[in-house]
Amino acid sequence: MLATLTLALTIVSAEAMQNASPDAQEIRRLEAAWNQAHLRGDVQALDAICATELSVIVPGMSPMSKADILGFWKSGRAKITRYETTDVRVVVRGRTAVVTGRLARTRDFNGTVMSDRWQFTKTYANDDDRWVLVAYHASEAPK
């Protein structure tokens, strides 16, 4: 029993320390910037966050590249009115970070309003001391 409690406390302490690391804090800042960029339709902010080789896979759409998503936002075809993430977890291992969580968003796509509830995984890489998003995958969240 004592061994189990000690192990649990060690795991919780290690995760708390990692979330307080400068790299984890930077990833959380980038996550907040990503969310705000979607709400504002800020192509310049999204461009800065995303790696050139970005791969995006989301429900109901073909895989997309960085050029695809930036072109979509430049077109002005959609407006995001809600973009909220919850249950966000950041794990940093060396020069790679993985973020998981849930997303609730509402979008107006050419006059048709739709809401989505997704669970997501993002992968960031540290290139020359700068974190960039290299992969984003989302799937429908369980109800």
N, C-alpha and C. Protein backbone atom coordinates (compact mmCIF):
# COMPACT_ATOMS: atom_id res chain seq x y z
N MET A 1 0.82 -1.19 0.00
CA MET A 1 0.00 0.00 0.00
C MET A 1 0.88 1.26 0.00
N LEU A 2 1.88 1.28 0.88
CA LEU A 2 2.77 2.42 0.95
C LEU A 2 3.55 2.59 -0.36
N ALA A 3 3.96 1.48 -0.95
CA ALA A 3 4.68 1.54 -2.23
C ALA A 3 3.80 2.13 -3.32
N THR A 4 2.53 1.75 -3.36
CA THR A 4 1.59 2.27 -4.35
C THR A 4 1.39 3.77 -4.16
N LEU A 5 1.23 4.21 -2.93
CA LEU A 5 1.05 5.63 -2.63
C LEU A 5 2.30 6.41 -3.02
N THR A 6 3.48 5.87 -2.71
CA THR A 6 4.74 6.53 -3.05
C THR A 6 4.87 6.66 -4.57
N LEU A 7 4.54 5.61 -5.30
CA LEU A 7 4.61 5.64 -6.76
C LEU A 7 3.65 6.68 -7.32
N ALA A 8 2.44 6.72 -6.82
CA ALA A 8 1.44 7.69 -7.29
C ALA A 8 1.92 9.11 -7.04
N LEU A 9 2.46 9.39 -5.88
CA LEU A 9 2.96 10.73 -5.57
C LEU A 9 4.14 11.10 -6.44
N THR A 10 5.00 10.14 -6.72
CA THR A 10 6.15 10.38 -7.60
C THR A 10 5.69 10.74 -9.00
N ILE A 11 4.70 10.03 -9.52
CA ILE A 11 4.18 10.31 -10.87
C ILE A 11 3.55 11.69 -10.92
N VAL A 12 2.72 12.01 -9.93
CA VAL A 12 2.06 13.33 -9.88
C VAL A 12 3.10 14.43 -9.77
N SER A 13 4.12 14.25 -8.93
CA SER A 13 5.17 15.25 -8.76
C SER A 13 5.96 15.44 -10.06
N ALA A 14 6.29 14.35 -10.73
CA ALA A 14 7.05 14.44 -11.99
C ALA A 14 6.24 15.18 -13.05
N GLU A 15 4.95 14.90 -13.14
CA GLU A 15 4.11 15.58 -14.13
C GLU A 15 3.99 17.06 -13.80
N ALA A 16 3.82 17.39 -12.52
CA ALA A 16 3.71 18.79 -12.11
C ALA A 16 5.00 19.53 -12.42
N MET A 17 6.15 18.90 -12.17
CA MET A 17 7.43 19.55 -12.47
C MET A 17 7.58 19.76 -13.97
N GLN A 18 7.17 18.78 -14.76
CA GLN A 18 7.30 18.93 -16.20
C GLN A 18 6.40 20.05 -16.72
N ASN A 19 5.18 20.16 -16.20
CA ASN A 19 4.27 21.21 -16.64
C ASN A 19 4.77 22.59 -16.26
N ALA A 20 5.66 22.67 -15.28
CA ALA A 20 6.23 23.95 -14.86
C ALA A 20 7.50 24.28 -15.62
N SER A 21 8.00 23.36 -16.44
CA SER A 21 9.24 23.60 -17.17
C SER A 21 9.05 24.73 -18.19
N PRO A 22 10.12 25.46 -18.51
CA PRO A 22 10.01 26.53 -19.51
C PRO A 22 9.47 26.03 -20.85
N ASP A 23 9.88 24.82 -21.28
CA ASP A 23 9.39 24.29 -22.55
C ASP A 23 7.89 24.02 -22.49
N ALA A 24 7.41 23.41 -21.42
CA ALA A 24 5.97 23.15 -21.28
C ALA A 24 5.19 24.46 -21.23
N GLN A 25 5.73 25.45 -20.56
CA GLN A 25 5.06 26.76 -20.51
C GLN A 25 4.99 27.38 -21.90
N GLU A 26 6.04 27.23 -22.68
CA GLU A 26 6.04 27.77 -24.05
C GLU A 26 5.00 27.04 -24.91
N ILE A 27 4.90 25.73 -24.76
CA ILE A 27 3.90 24.99 -25.53
C ILE A 27 2.50 25.45 -25.13
N ARG A 28 2.25 25.66 -23.85
CA ARG A 28 0.94 26.16 -23.41
C ARG A 28 0.67 27.55 -23.98
N ARG A 29 1.70 28.38 -24.08
CA ARG A 29 1.53 29.71 -24.68
C ARG A 29 1.16 29.57 -26.16
N LEU A 30 1.84 28.66 -26.86
CA LEU A 30 1.53 28.43 -28.27
C LEU A 30 0.11 27.89 -28.44
N GLU A 31 -0.32 27.03 -27.53
CA GLU A 31 -1.70 26.51 -27.58
C GLU A 31 -2.71 27.65 -27.45
N ALA A 32 -2.47 28.56 -26.52
CA ALA A 32 -3.37 29.71 -26.35
C ALA A 32 -3.35 30.59 -27.60
N ALA A 33 -2.17 30.79 -28.18
CA ALA A 33 -2.06 31.60 -29.41
C ALA A 33 -2.79 30.91 -30.56
N TRP A 34 -2.69 29.59 -30.65
CA TRP A 34 -3.39 28.81 -31.69
C TRP A 34 -4.90 29.03 -31.56
N ASN A 35 -5.41 28.91 -30.35
CA ASN A 35 -6.85 29.08 -30.12
C ASN A 35 -7.30 30.49 -30.50
N GLN A 36 -6.55 31.49 -30.07
CA GLN A 36 -6.91 32.88 -30.39
C GLN A 36 -6.82 33.14 -31.89
N ALA A 37 -5.83 32.56 -32.54
CA ALA A 37 -5.68 32.75 -33.99
C ALA A 37 -6.89 32.20 -34.74
N HIS A 38 -7.44 31.09 -34.27
CA HIS A 38 -8.64 30.54 -34.89
C HIS A 38 -9.84 31.46 -34.69
N LEU A 39 -9.98 32.01 -33.51
CA LEU A 39 -11.10 32.92 -33.23
C LEU A 39 -11.00 34.20 -34.05
N ARG A 40 -9.78 34.68 -34.28
CA ARG A 40 -9.59 35.94 -35.01
C ARG A 40 -9.37 35.73 -36.50
N GLY A 41 -9.19 34.47 -36.93
CA GLY A 41 -8.85 34.23 -38.33
C GLY A 41 -7.48 34.81 -38.67
N ASP A 42 -6.55 34.73 -37.72
CA ASP A 42 -5.24 35.36 -37.83
C ASP A 42 -4.26 34.45 -38.58
N VAL A 43 -4.18 34.64 -39.87
CA VAL A 43 -3.34 33.82 -40.74
C VAL A 43 -1.86 33.98 -40.37
N GLN A 44 -1.45 35.19 -40.05
CA GLN A 44 -0.05 35.45 -39.71
C GLN A 44 0.36 34.68 -38.44
N ALA A 45 -0.50 34.65 -37.44
CA ALA A 45 -0.19 33.91 -36.20
C ALA A 45 -0.12 32.41 -36.48
N LEU A 46 -1.06 31.88 -37.26
CA LEU A 46 -1.04 30.46 -37.60
C LEU A 46 0.22 30.10 -38.39
N ASP A 47 0.60 30.97 -39.30
CA ASP A 47 1.80 30.75 -40.10
C ASP A 47 3.03 30.65 -39.20
N ALA A 48 3.11 31.50 -38.18
CA ALA A 48 4.26 31.50 -37.27
C ALA A 48 4.31 30.26 -36.40
N ILE A 49 3.17 29.71 -36.03
CA ILE A 49 3.11 28.54 -35.15
C ILE A 49 3.43 27.25 -35.90
N CYS A 50 3.06 27.18 -37.17
CA CYS A 50 3.12 25.92 -37.92
C CYS A 50 4.45 25.73 -38.66
N ALA A 51 4.95 24.50 -38.59
CA ALA A 51 6.14 24.12 -39.36
C ALA A 51 5.79 24.05 -40.84
N THR A 52 6.77 24.22 -41.68
CA THR A 52 6.56 24.13 -43.13
C THR A 52 5.95 22.79 -43.52
N GLU A 53 6.38 21.71 -42.85
CA GLU A 53 5.92 20.37 -43.20
C GLU A 53 4.70 19.93 -42.39
N LEU A 54 3.93 20.87 -41.85
CA LEU A 54 2.74 20.55 -41.04
C LEU A 54 1.80 19.58 -41.76
N SER A 55 1.29 18.63 -41.00
CA SER A 55 0.27 17.69 -41.48
C SER A 55 -0.94 17.82 -40.57
N VAL A 56 -2.12 18.05 -41.16
CA VAL A 56 -3.36 18.20 -40.40
C VAL A 56 -4.37 17.16 -40.87
N ILE A 57 -4.89 16.39 -39.92
CA ILE A 57 -5.91 15.39 -40.21
C ILE A 57 -7.07 15.61 -39.23
N VAL A 58 -8.22 15.97 -39.79
CA VAL A 58 -9.42 16.23 -38.97
C VAL A 58 -10.62 15.53 -39.59
N PRO A 59 -11.65 15.28 -38.79
CA PRO A 59 -12.83 14.55 -39.30
C PRO A 59 -13.47 15.23 -40.51
N GLY A 60 -13.84 14.40 -41.47
CA GLY A 60 -14.60 14.86 -42.62
C GLY A 60 -13.83 15.60 -43.69
N MET A 61 -12.51 15.66 -43.56
CA MET A 61 -11.71 16.38 -44.54
C MET A 61 -10.51 15.54 -44.97
N SER A 62 -10.02 15.80 -46.15
CA SER A 62 -8.80 15.15 -46.60
C SER A 62 -7.62 15.70 -45.81
N PRO A 63 -6.53 14.95 -45.71
CA PRO A 63 -5.34 15.49 -45.04
C PRO A 63 -4.93 16.81 -45.67
N MET A 64 -4.45 17.72 -44.81
CA MET A 64 -4.09 19.06 -45.27
C MET A 64 -2.65 19.39 -44.87
N SER A 65 -2.04 20.25 -45.67
CA SER A 65 -0.69 20.76 -45.40
C SER A 65 -0.81 22.16 -44.81
N LYS A 66 0.32 22.73 -44.46
CA LYS A 66 0.33 24.12 -43.98
C LYS A 66 -0.24 25.05 -45.05
N ALA A 67 0.17 24.87 -46.28
CA ALA A 67 -0.33 25.73 -47.36
C ALA A 67 -1.84 25.61 -47.49
N ASP A 68 -2.37 24.39 -47.32
CA ASP A 68 -3.82 24.18 -47.41
C ASP A 68 -4.56 24.96 -46.32
N ILE A 69 -4.09 24.83 -45.07
CA ILE A 69 -4.84 25.50 -44.00
C ILE A 69 -4.70 27.01 -44.07
N LEU A 70 -3.51 27.49 -44.43
CA LEU A 70 -3.36 28.94 -44.55
C LEU A 70 -4.21 29.48 -45.71
N GLY A 71 -4.27 28.74 -46.81
CA GLY A 71 -5.12 29.14 -47.93
C GLY A 71 -6.59 29.18 -47.54
N PHE A 72 -7.01 28.20 -46.76
CA PHE A 72 -8.39 28.17 -46.28
C PHE A 72 -8.70 29.41 -45.46
N TRP A 73 -7.81 29.76 -44.52
CA TRP A 73 -8.06 30.94 -43.68
C TRP A 73 -7.99 32.23 -44.48
N LYS A 74 -7.10 32.29 -45.46
CA LYS A 74 -7.02 33.49 -46.30
C LYS A 74 -8.28 33.68 -47.13
N SER A 75 -8.97 32.59 -47.45
CA SER A 75 -10.17 32.68 -48.28
C SER A 75 -11.33 33.36 -47.57
N GLY A 76 -11.33 33.34 -46.25
CA GLY A 76 -12.41 33.97 -45.49
C GLY A 76 -13.73 33.20 -45.53
N ARG A 77 -13.69 31.93 -45.96
CA ARG A 77 -14.92 31.14 -46.08
C ARG A 77 -15.53 30.73 -44.75
N ALA A 78 -14.74 30.75 -43.69
CA ALA A 78 -15.25 30.30 -42.39
C ALA A 78 -14.90 31.31 -41.31
N LYS A 79 -15.79 31.39 -40.32
CA LYS A 79 -15.52 32.20 -39.14
C LYS A 79 -15.77 31.31 -37.94
N ILE A 80 -14.78 31.26 -37.06
CA ILE A 80 -14.91 30.49 -35.83
C ILE A 80 -15.47 31.42 -34.76
N THR A 81 -16.56 31.02 -34.13
CA THR A 81 -17.16 31.84 -33.07
C THR A 81 -16.93 31.25 -31.68
N ARG A 82 -16.51 30.00 -31.64
CA ARG A 82 -16.16 29.36 -30.36
C ARG A 82 -15.01 28.39 -30.63
N TYR A 83 -13.98 28.46 -29.78
CA TYR A 83 -12.84 27.56 -29.91
C TYR A 83 -12.26 27.38 -28.51
N GLU A 84 -12.74 26.35 -27.82
CA GLU A 84 -12.37 26.13 -26.42
C GLU A 84 -11.77 24.75 -26.25
N THR A 85 -10.59 24.70 -25.63
CA THR A 85 -9.94 23.43 -25.34
C THR A 85 -10.02 23.14 -23.84
N THR A 86 -10.15 21.85 -23.53
CA THR A 86 -10.17 21.40 -22.14
C THR A 86 -9.34 20.13 -22.03
N ASP A 87 -9.11 19.71 -20.80
CA ASP A 87 -8.36 18.48 -20.54
C ASP A 87 -7.02 18.46 -21.27
N VAL A 88 -6.40 19.63 -21.38
CA VAL A 88 -5.14 19.74 -22.12
C VAL A 88 -3.99 19.18 -21.28
N ARG A 89 -3.20 18.33 -21.91
CA ARG A 89 -2.03 17.73 -21.27
C ARG A 89 -0.84 17.94 -22.19
N VAL A 90 0.25 18.41 -21.62
CA VAL A 90 1.48 18.67 -22.37
C VAL A 90 2.57 17.75 -21.84
N VAL A 91 3.20 17.01 -22.75
CA VAL A 91 4.33 16.14 -22.39
C VAL A 91 5.50 16.55 -23.28
N VAL A 92 6.60 16.92 -22.65
CA VAL A 92 7.80 17.31 -23.38
C VAL A 92 8.86 16.24 -23.17
N ARG A 93 9.43 15.76 -24.26
CA ARG A 93 10.51 14.78 -24.23
C ARG A 93 11.60 15.29 -25.17
N GLY A 94 12.63 15.86 -24.58
CA GLY A 94 13.72 16.38 -25.39
C GLY A 94 13.25 17.51 -26.29
N ARG A 95 13.39 17.32 -27.60
CA ARG A 95 13.04 18.36 -28.57
C ARG A 95 11.67 18.12 -29.21
N THR A 96 10.87 17.27 -28.56
CA THR A 96 9.52 16.95 -29.04
C THR A 96 8.52 17.16 -27.91
N ALA A 97 7.36 17.68 -28.25
CA ALA A 97 6.28 17.84 -27.27
C ALA A 97 4.99 17.32 -27.88
N VAL A 98 4.20 16.65 -27.06
CA VAL A 98 2.91 16.14 -27.49
C VAL A 98 1.84 16.78 -26.60
N VAL A 99 0.81 17.28 -27.25
CA VAL A 99 -0.31 17.91 -26.54
C VAL A 99 -1.57 17.12 -26.87
N THR A 100 -2.32 16.75 -25.84
CA THR A 100 -3.60 16.10 -26.05
C THR A 100 -4.67 16.89 -25.33
N GLY A 101 -5.90 16.78 -25.81
CA GLY A 101 -7.00 17.47 -25.15
C GLY A 101 -8.29 17.31 -25.92
N ARG A 102 -9.25 18.11 -25.52
CA ARG A 102 -10.57 18.11 -26.16
C ARG A 102 -10.85 19.52 -26.68
N LEU A 103 -11.58 19.59 -27.78
CA LEU A 103 -11.91 20.87 -28.41
C LEU A 103 -13.41 20.94 -28.64
N ALA A 104 -14.00 22.07 -28.24
CA ALA A 104 -15.39 22.39 -28.61
C ALA A 104 -15.30 23.66 -29.45
N ARG A 105 -15.82 23.58 -30.66
CA ARG A 105 -15.78 24.76 -31.53
C ARG A 105 -17.09 24.92 -32.27
N THR A 106 -17.38 26.16 -32.61
CA THR A 106 -18.54 26.49 -33.44
C THR A 106 -18.01 27.33 -34.59
N ARG A 107 -18.49 27.01 -35.79
CA ARG A 107 -18.01 27.71 -36.97
C ARG A 107 -19.16 28.06 -37.89
N ASP A 108 -19.00 29.17 -38.56
CA ASP A 108 -19.95 29.61 -39.57
C ASP A 108 -19.23 29.43 -40.90
N PHE A 109 -19.69 28.46 -41.68
CA PHE A 109 -19.06 28.14 -42.94
C PHE A 109 -20.01 28.54 -44.06
N ASN A 110 -19.72 29.68 -44.67
CA ASN A 110 -20.57 30.21 -45.75
C ASN A 110 -22.04 30.28 -45.35
N GLY A 111 -22.32 30.73 -44.10
CA GLY A 111 -23.69 30.89 -43.64
C GLY A 111 -24.29 29.69 -42.94
N THR A 112 -23.61 28.57 -42.93
CA THR A 112 -24.08 27.37 -42.23
C THR A 112 -23.30 27.24 -40.92
N VAL A 113 -24.02 27.30 -39.80
CA VAL A 113 -23.37 27.22 -38.49
C VAL A 113 -23.32 25.75 -38.05
N MET A 114 -22.12 25.31 -37.65
CA MET A 114 -21.92 23.93 -37.21
C MET A 114 -21.07 23.93 -35.95
N SER A 115 -21.31 22.94 -35.09
CA SER A 115 -20.51 22.77 -33.89
C SER A 115 -19.83 21.41 -33.92
N ASP A 116 -18.61 21.37 -33.39
CA ASP A 116 -17.83 20.14 -33.35
C ASP A 116 -17.33 19.92 -31.93
N ARG A 117 -17.20 18.65 -31.58
CA ARG A 117 -16.55 18.25 -30.34
C ARG A 117 -15.51 17.19 -30.72
N TRP A 118 -14.27 17.58 -30.60
CA TRP A 118 -13.18 16.71 -31.00
C TRP A 118 -12.26 16.41 -29.83
N GLN A 119 -11.51 15.32 -29.96
CA GLN A 119 -10.34 15.08 -29.12
C GLN A 119 -9.16 15.18 -30.07
N PHE A 120 -8.05 15.72 -29.57
CA PHE A 120 -6.94 16.00 -30.48
C PHE A 120 -5.59 15.60 -29.90
N THR A 121 -4.66 15.43 -30.82
CA THR A 121 -3.26 15.23 -30.50
C THR A 121 -2.45 16.15 -31.40
N LYS A 122 -1.55 16.90 -30.81
CA LYS A 122 -0.65 17.76 -31.57
C LYS A 122 0.78 17.37 -31.23
N THR A 123 1.65 17.46 -32.23
CA THR A 123 3.06 17.20 -32.02
C THR A 123 3.84 18.45 -32.41
N TYR A 124 4.65 18.91 -31.46
CA TYR A 124 5.53 20.06 -31.68
C TYR A 124 6.97 19.57 -31.73
N ALA A 125 7.81 20.26 -32.49
CA ALA A 125 9.25 19.99 -32.54
C ALA A 125 9.98 21.28 -32.24
N ASN A 126 11.12 21.15 -31.60
CA ASN A 126 11.93 22.32 -31.30
C ASN A 126 13.00 22.43 -32.39
N ASP A 127 12.82 23.40 -33.26
CA ASP A 127 13.77 23.67 -34.35
C ASP A 127 14.57 24.92 -34.01
N ASP A 128 15.86 24.76 -33.79
CA ASP A 128 16.73 25.91 -33.51
C ASP A 128 16.19 26.76 -32.36
N ASP A 129 15.81 26.10 -31.28
CA ASP A 129 15.29 26.75 -30.06
C ASP A 129 13.97 27.48 -30.28
N ARG A 130 13.19 27.01 -31.24
CA ARG A 130 11.86 27.56 -31.50
C ARG A 130 10.89 26.39 -31.69
N TRP A 131 9.84 26.36 -30.90
CA TRP A 131 8.84 25.29 -31.00
C TRP A 131 7.89 25.57 -32.16
N VAL A 132 7.63 24.56 -32.99
CA VAL A 132 6.69 24.67 -34.10
C VAL A 132 5.79 23.44 -34.14
N LEU A 133 4.58 23.63 -34.59
CA LEU A 133 3.62 22.53 -34.71
C LEU A 133 3.90 21.76 -36.00
N VAL A 134 4.12 20.45 -35.87
CA VAL A 134 4.41 19.64 -37.05
C VAL A 134 3.26 18.69 -37.42
N ALA A 135 2.39 18.38 -36.46
CA ALA A 135 1.27 17.48 -36.77
C ALA A 135 0.09 17.78 -35.86
N TYR A 136 -1.10 17.73 -36.45
CA TYR A 136 -2.35 17.92 -35.72
C TYR A 136 -3.33 16.85 -36.20
N HIS A 137 -3.82 16.08 -35.25
CA HIS A 137 -4.81 15.05 -35.58
C HIS A 137 -5.98 15.20 -34.63
N ALA A 138 -7.19 15.18 -35.17
CA ALA A 138 -8.40 15.25 -34.34
C ALA A 138 -9.38 14.18 -34.78
N SER A 139 -10.16 13.71 -33.83
CA SER A 139 -11.23 12.76 -34.11
C SER A 139 -12.46 13.18 -33.31
N GLU A 140 -13.60 12.68 -33.72
CA GLU A 140 -14.83 12.99 -33.00
C GLU A 140 -14.69 12.51 -31.55
N ALA A 141 -15.06 13.37 -30.62
CA ALA A 141 -15.00 13.01 -29.19
C ALA A 141 -16.22 12.17 -28.85
N PRO A 142 -16.05 11.21 -27.95
CA PRO A 142 -17.23 10.44 -27.49
C PRO A 142 -18.23 11.38 -26.84
N LYS A 143 -19.48 11.08 -27.00
CA LYS A 143 -20.55 11.94 -26.44
C LYS A 143 -20.60 11.85 -24.94
